[in-house]
Amino acid sequence: MKNINKIILGLLVVSLAFTSCRDDDKDPLVVHEDPDNIPAYVRIKGYQTIVPVTEVPDAVFEATVSDRRGNVASYDLAVQIERGGDIVAGPAAVVSVTSFPTDISVTYDEIASVLGLTTADIAAGDFIRFLGTSTRTDGSVYTIDNFSASITGQSEQFQSYSFVVLIKCAPITDATVGGTWIADLMDSYGDGWDGAFLTFEIDGSATDYTVSGGDGFGKIHEIDVPDGAELIISYTSGAFEGEHSFDLTSPDGFYGSYGPAPAPCVN
């Protein structure tokens, strides 16, 4: 019995010693409280995320930039234009901020100018991508590459390092809008639209139409549009774009054929 008691006592001593050692190991360096490990993170908010193409010549990019930790010396913003997944202009520097918080205001005419373009070169369906760079007071530089998707992919973070403004397609004006529209969506390979879809936006309410894998070589959709409504028809690309095309018929009759690899906007 004494031997058993000794064994139990020995195990308790070893267990306490291990726990004490483990607790010592848990005395951590709190990284986020170390000033040298706090990134120069800048937030940007208040800007218009969608600009109708018809408003681009007079539109202004306005936003508020803030430094929550007080450790940012400067924030620089560059801009580029993306079309169909390709960069067609830029990046080029557009604004620099050295005090926080501050309001910035840049016209789209100025944005086009720094890219060597005019606003007429900015097309419906384009993405205007803004790329931010912040410099910490110790000279450390931060870009989109310094932050994980858990930060940059969350809109509530108001991240200022890679964000876009969509140039929205123009409304249909060259046909009768009210009535039944027919969208004949075709896939030349017969396996669906690979993530692509056609969007009918009626008075701001959008519905997407596509060809699923079980639809074979295509699918016909009928869309009823109320009289007097504003209608915007746009296309979002997927994979294997050379297989995708569609025909539209308006209440007046045949409207047009699009594709393969349709453009982002019908109008």
Protein backbone atom coordinates (compact mmCIF):
# COMPACT_ATOMS: atom_id res chain seq x y z
CA MET A 1 0.00 0.00 0.00
CA LYS A 2 2.87 2.35 0.90
CA ASN A 3 4.44 1.69 -2.48
CA ILE A 4 1.16 2.53 -4.22
CA ASN A 5 0.86 5.76 -2.25
CA LYS A 6 4.43 6.69 -3.19
CA ILE A 7 3.69 6.08 -6.86
CA ILE A 8 0.54 8.21 -6.72
CA LEU A 9 2.42 10.98 -4.89
CA GLY A 10 5.19 10.82 -7.46
CA LEU A 11 2.75 11.13 -10.33
CA LEU A 12 1.13 14.17 -8.70
CA VAL A 13 4.51 15.86 -8.29
CA VAL A 14 5.44 15.21 -11.94
CA SER A 15 2.04 16.45 -13.08
CA LEU A 16 2.35 19.67 -11.07
CA ALA A 17 5.85 20.24 -12.37
CA PHE A 18 4.70 19.75 -15.97
CA THR A 19 1.76 22.09 -15.46
CA SER A 20 4.03 24.73 -13.93
CA CYS A 21 6.43 24.43 -16.86
CA ARG A 22 3.57 24.64 -19.34
CA ASP A 23 2.20 27.76 -17.63
CA ASP A 24 5.65 29.34 -17.83
CA ASP A 25 5.71 28.57 -21.54
CA LYS A 26 2.39 30.33 -21.86
CA ASP A 27 3.82 33.63 -20.68
CA PRO A 28 3.62 35.05 -24.20
CA LEU A 29 4.77 38.06 -26.09
CA VAL A 30 1.48 39.76 -26.97
CA VAL A 31 2.28 40.60 -30.57
CA HIS A 32 -0.60 42.99 -31.19
CA GLU A 33 0.42 45.07 -28.17
CA ASP A 34 4.00 45.50 -29.33
CA PRO A 35 4.18 48.85 -31.20
CA ASP A 36 6.72 47.41 -33.63
CA ASN A 37 4.20 44.77 -34.72
CA ILE A 38 1.19 47.01 -35.29
CA PRO A 39 0.77 47.52 -39.04
CA ALA A 40 0.15 50.92 -40.59
CA TYR A 41 -3.46 50.06 -41.39
CA VAL A 42 -5.61 52.68 -43.04
CA ARG A 43 -9.37 52.62 -43.50
CA ILE A 44 -11.28 54.28 -46.32
CA LYS A 45 -15.04 54.70 -46.49
CA GLY A 46 -17.85 56.81 -47.86
CA TYR A 47 -17.05 56.38 -51.56
CA GLN A 48 -19.59 55.50 -54.26
CA THR A 49 -19.01 51.88 -55.29
CA ILE A 50 -21.04 52.04 -58.53
CA VAL A 51 -20.97 54.89 -61.04
CA PRO A 52 -23.30 54.85 -64.07
CA VAL A 53 -21.31 55.24 -67.27
CA THR A 54 -23.45 58.22 -68.25
CA GLU A 55 -22.30 60.07 -65.10
CA VAL A 56 -18.57 59.43 -65.42
CA PRO A 57 -17.69 62.79 -67.07
CA ASP A 58 -19.07 64.68 -64.04
CA ALA A 59 -18.48 62.09 -61.31
CA VAL A 60 -16.19 62.61 -58.31
CA PHE A 61 -14.48 59.97 -56.17
CA GLU A 62 -14.94 61.16 -52.58
CA ALA A 63 -13.90 59.28 -49.44
CA THR A 64 -12.65 59.63 -45.89
CA VAL A 65 -9.28 58.11 -44.94
CA SER A 66 -8.54 57.35 -41.30
CA ASP A 67 -5.58 56.03 -39.30
CA ARG A 68 -6.98 54.19 -36.26
CA ARG A 69 -3.66 53.56 -34.48
CA GLY A 70 -1.95 56.89 -35.07
CA ASN A 71 1.13 55.21 -36.55
CA VAL A 72 0.77 56.11 -40.24
CA ALA A 73 3.06 58.72 -41.78
CA SER A 74 1.48 58.69 -45.24
CA TYR A 75 -1.03 56.93 -47.46
CA ASP A 76 -0.70 56.88 -51.25
CA LEU A 77 -3.41 55.85 -53.66
CA ALA A 78 -2.87 54.59 -57.21
CA VAL A 79 -5.49 53.70 -59.80
CA GLN A 80 -5.85 51.35 -62.75
CA ILE A 81 -8.63 50.36 -65.17
CA GLU A 82 -9.58 46.71 -65.59
CA ARG A 83 -11.69 45.44 -68.47
CA GLY A 84 -12.65 41.82 -69.00
CA GLY A 85 -10.14 40.73 -66.37
CA ASP A 86 -7.24 42.60 -68.01
CA ILE A 87 -5.50 45.79 -66.91
CA VAL A 88 -5.95 48.27 -69.75
CA ALA A 89 -4.40 51.33 -68.07
CA GLY A 90 -2.27 52.00 -65.02
CA PRO A 91 -1.49 51.78 -62.26
CA ALA A 92 -0.74 55.48 -61.79
CA ALA A 93 -0.52 57.59 -58.64
CA VAL A 94 -3.57 59.73 -58.02
CA VAL A 95 -3.49 61.11 -54.45
CA SER A 96 -1.28 61.23 -51.33
CA VAL A 97 -2.40 61.80 -47.73
CA THR A 98 -0.17 62.77 -44.79
CA SER A 99 -2.70 63.72 -42.10
CA PHE A 100 -5.55 61.67 -40.62
CA PRO A 101 -8.47 61.62 -40.74
CA THR A 102 -8.81 63.48 -44.01
CA ASP A 103 -11.33 63.75 -46.83
CA ILE A 104 -10.16 63.16 -50.38
CA SER A 105 -11.88 64.27 -53.57
CA VAL A 106 -10.73 63.37 -57.08
CA THR A 107 -12.77 63.81 -60.24
CA TYR A 108 -12.98 60.96 -62.72
CA ASP A 109 -11.62 63.40 -65.26
CA GLU A 110 -8.47 63.67 -63.11
CA ILE A 111 -8.35 59.89 -62.73
CA ALA A 112 -8.52 59.48 -66.51
CA SER A 113 -5.86 62.14 -66.96
CA VAL A 114 -3.24 60.46 -64.73
CA LEU A 115 -3.80 57.31 -66.79
CA GLY A 116 -3.25 59.22 -70.04
CA LEU A 117 -6.93 58.90 -70.99
CA THR A 118 -10.14 60.92 -71.10
CA THR A 119 -13.43 59.99 -69.45
CA ALA A 120 -14.66 58.90 -72.88
CA ASP A 121 -12.15 56.03 -72.66
CA ILE A 122 -13.80 54.70 -69.48
CA ALA A 123 -16.37 52.19 -70.67
CA ALA A 124 -19.45 50.59 -69.15
CA GLY A 125 -18.44 47.39 -67.42
CA ASP A 126 -15.00 48.67 -66.49
CA PHE A 127 -13.65 48.34 -62.97
CA ILE A 128 -11.68 51.24 -61.56
CA ARG A 129 -9.32 49.59 -59.09
CA PHE A 130 -7.68 51.65 -56.37
CA LEU A 131 -4.43 50.38 -54.85
CA GLY A 132 -3.27 51.81 -51.54
CA THR A 133 0.16 51.97 -49.93
CA SER A 134 0.66 53.09 -46.34
CA THR A 135 3.96 54.00 -44.70
CA ARG A 136 4.39 53.62 -40.95
CA THR A 137 6.12 56.30 -38.92
CA ASP A 138 9.24 54.10 -38.75
CA GLY A 139 9.37 53.85 -42.56
CA SER A 140 7.82 50.38 -42.93
CA VAL A 141 5.68 50.11 -46.06
CA TYR A 142 2.41 48.18 -46.34
CA THR A 143 0.42 47.15 -49.45
CA ILE A 144 -2.32 44.64 -50.18
CA ASP A 145 0.32 41.88 -49.95
CA ASN A 146 0.78 42.53 -46.22
CA PHE A 147 -2.79 41.68 -45.24
CA SER A 148 -4.69 38.39 -45.28
CA ALA A 149 -7.97 37.76 -47.04
CA SER A 150 -9.71 37.69 -43.66
CA ILE A 151 -9.10 41.46 -43.56
CA THR A 152 -9.10 42.53 -47.20
CA GLY A 153 -12.10 40.36 -48.06
CA GLN A 154 -14.37 41.84 -45.40
CA SER A 155 -16.22 44.98 -46.44
CA GLU A 156 -16.74 46.01 -42.81
CA GLN A 157 -12.97 46.42 -42.48
CA PHE A 158 -13.10 49.34 -44.94
CA GLN A 159 -9.72 48.19 -46.23
CA SER A 160 -7.97 50.72 -48.43
CA TYR A 161 -5.39 48.58 -50.19
CA SER A 162 -7.28 47.07 -53.15
CA PHE A 163 -10.88 48.05 -53.84
CA VAL A 164 -12.96 48.76 -56.93
CA VAL A 165 -15.59 51.06 -58.34
CA LEU A 166 -17.79 49.52 -61.02
CA ILE A 167 -18.73 51.58 -64.05
CA LYS A 168 -22.34 50.55 -64.48
CA CYS A 169 -23.97 49.74 -67.81
CA ALA A 170 -26.37 52.26 -69.27
CA PRO A 171 -30.14 51.63 -69.33
CA ILE A 172 -31.85 50.38 -72.48
CA THR A 173 -33.15 53.37 -74.44
CA ASP A 174 -33.34 52.16 -78.05
CA ALA A 175 -36.24 49.72 -77.68
CA THR A 176 -39.58 49.39 -75.96
CA VAL A 177 -38.70 48.39 -72.40
CA GLY A 178 -42.07 47.37 -70.99
CA GLY A 179 -43.24 43.91 -72.02
CA THR A 180 -41.69 40.47 -72.39
CA TRP A 181 -38.01 40.12 -73.19
CA ILE A 182 -36.61 36.80 -74.38
CA ALA A 183 -33.03 35.86 -73.57
CA ASP A 184 -31.80 32.85 -75.57
CA LEU A 185 -28.63 31.75 -73.77
CA MET A 186 -26.37 29.36 -75.71
CA ASP A 187 -23.37 27.22 -74.81
CA SER A 188 -21.52 25.69 -77.75
CA TYR A 189 -19.97 22.89 -75.66
CA GLY A 190 -23.21 21.88 -73.98
CA ASP A 191 -21.96 21.87 -70.39
CA GLY A 192 -23.35 25.13 -69.00
CA TRP A 193 -22.02 28.64 -68.67
CA ASP A 194 -19.13 27.85 -66.32
CA GLY A 195 -20.00 30.55 -63.78
CA ALA A 196 -21.15 33.21 -66.27
CA PHE A 197 -24.58 34.82 -66.09
CA LEU A 198 -26.79 37.45 -67.70
CA THR A 199 -28.35 40.05 -65.40
CA PHE A 200 -31.61 41.90 -65.92
CA GLU A 201 -31.77 44.84 -63.53
CA ILE A 202 -35.28 46.30 -63.38
CA ASP A 203 -35.63 49.52 -61.40
CA GLY A 204 -32.59 48.57 -59.33
CA SER A 205 -33.67 44.98 -58.63
CA ALA A 206 -31.35 42.47 -60.29
CA THR A 207 -32.04 38.87 -61.38
CA ASP A 208 -29.36 36.60 -62.85
CA TYR A 209 -29.98 34.07 -65.64
CA THR A 210 -27.60 31.34 -66.74
CA VAL A 211 -27.20 27.97 -68.44
CA SER A 212 -26.69 25.15 -65.94
CA GLY A 213 -24.84 21.94 -66.64
CA GLY A 214 -28.12 20.07 -67.13
CA ASP A 215 -29.44 22.55 -69.71
CA GLY A 216 -27.32 21.14 -72.51
CA PHE A 217 -26.54 23.64 -75.25
CA GLY A 218 -28.68 26.44 -73.93
CA LYS A 219 -31.74 27.75 -72.19
CA ILE A 220 -34.39 30.33 -73.03
CA HIS A 221 -35.54 32.73 -70.35
CA GLU A 222 -38.58 35.02 -70.60
CA ILE A 223 -38.44 38.20 -68.52
CA ASP A 224 -41.46 40.43 -67.98
CA VAL A 225 -40.57 44.10 -67.57
CA PRO A 226 -43.19 46.60 -66.32
CA ASP A 227 -44.07 49.61 -68.41
CA GLY A 228 -42.03 52.67 -67.51
CA ALA A 229 -39.31 50.65 -65.76
CA GLU A 230 -35.58 51.31 -66.12
CA LEU A 231 -33.88 48.23 -67.59
CA ILE A 232 -30.15 47.49 -67.52
CA ILE A 233 -28.86 44.27 -69.08
CA SER A 234 -25.32 43.17 -68.24
CA TYR A 235 -23.16 40.08 -68.64
CA THR A 236 -20.73 38.64 -66.09
CA SER A 237 -18.09 36.34 -67.54
CA GLY A 238 -17.04 32.91 -66.31
CA ALA A 239 -14.62 30.29 -67.59
CA PHE A 240 -14.41 29.11 -71.23
CA GLU A 241 -15.87 32.35 -72.54
CA GLY A 242 -15.48 31.25 -76.15
CA GLU A 243 -18.42 28.88 -75.61
CA HIS A 244 -20.91 31.51 -74.40
CA SER A 245 -23.30 33.63 -76.47
CA PHE A 246 -26.85 34.91 -76.28
CA ASP A 247 -29.61 36.49 -78.36
CA LEU A 248 -32.07 39.06 -77.06
CA THR A 249 -35.56 39.75 -78.27
CA SER A 250 -37.29 42.90 -77.01
CA PRO A 251 -41.05 43.58 -77.03
CA ASP A 252 -40.41 45.18 -80.46
CA GLY A 253 -38.77 42.07 -81.93
CA PHE A 254 -35.20 40.79 -82.35
CA TYR A 255 -32.79 43.06 -80.47
CA GLY A 256 -29.29 41.62 -80.99
CA SER A 257 -26.74 38.78 -80.80
CA TYR A 258 -23.83 38.81 -78.35
CA GLY A 259 -20.75 36.63 -78.09
CA PRO A 260 -18.93 34.39 -78.09
CA ALA A 261 -17.24 35.99 -75.09
CA PRO A 262 -19.92 38.70 -74.73
CA ALA A 263 -19.01 42.20 -73.57
CA PRO A 264 -20.13 43.23 -70.06
CA CYS A 265 -22.87 45.59 -71.24
CA VAL A 266 -25.67 45.27 -73.76
CA ASN A 267 -26.09 49.04 -74.03
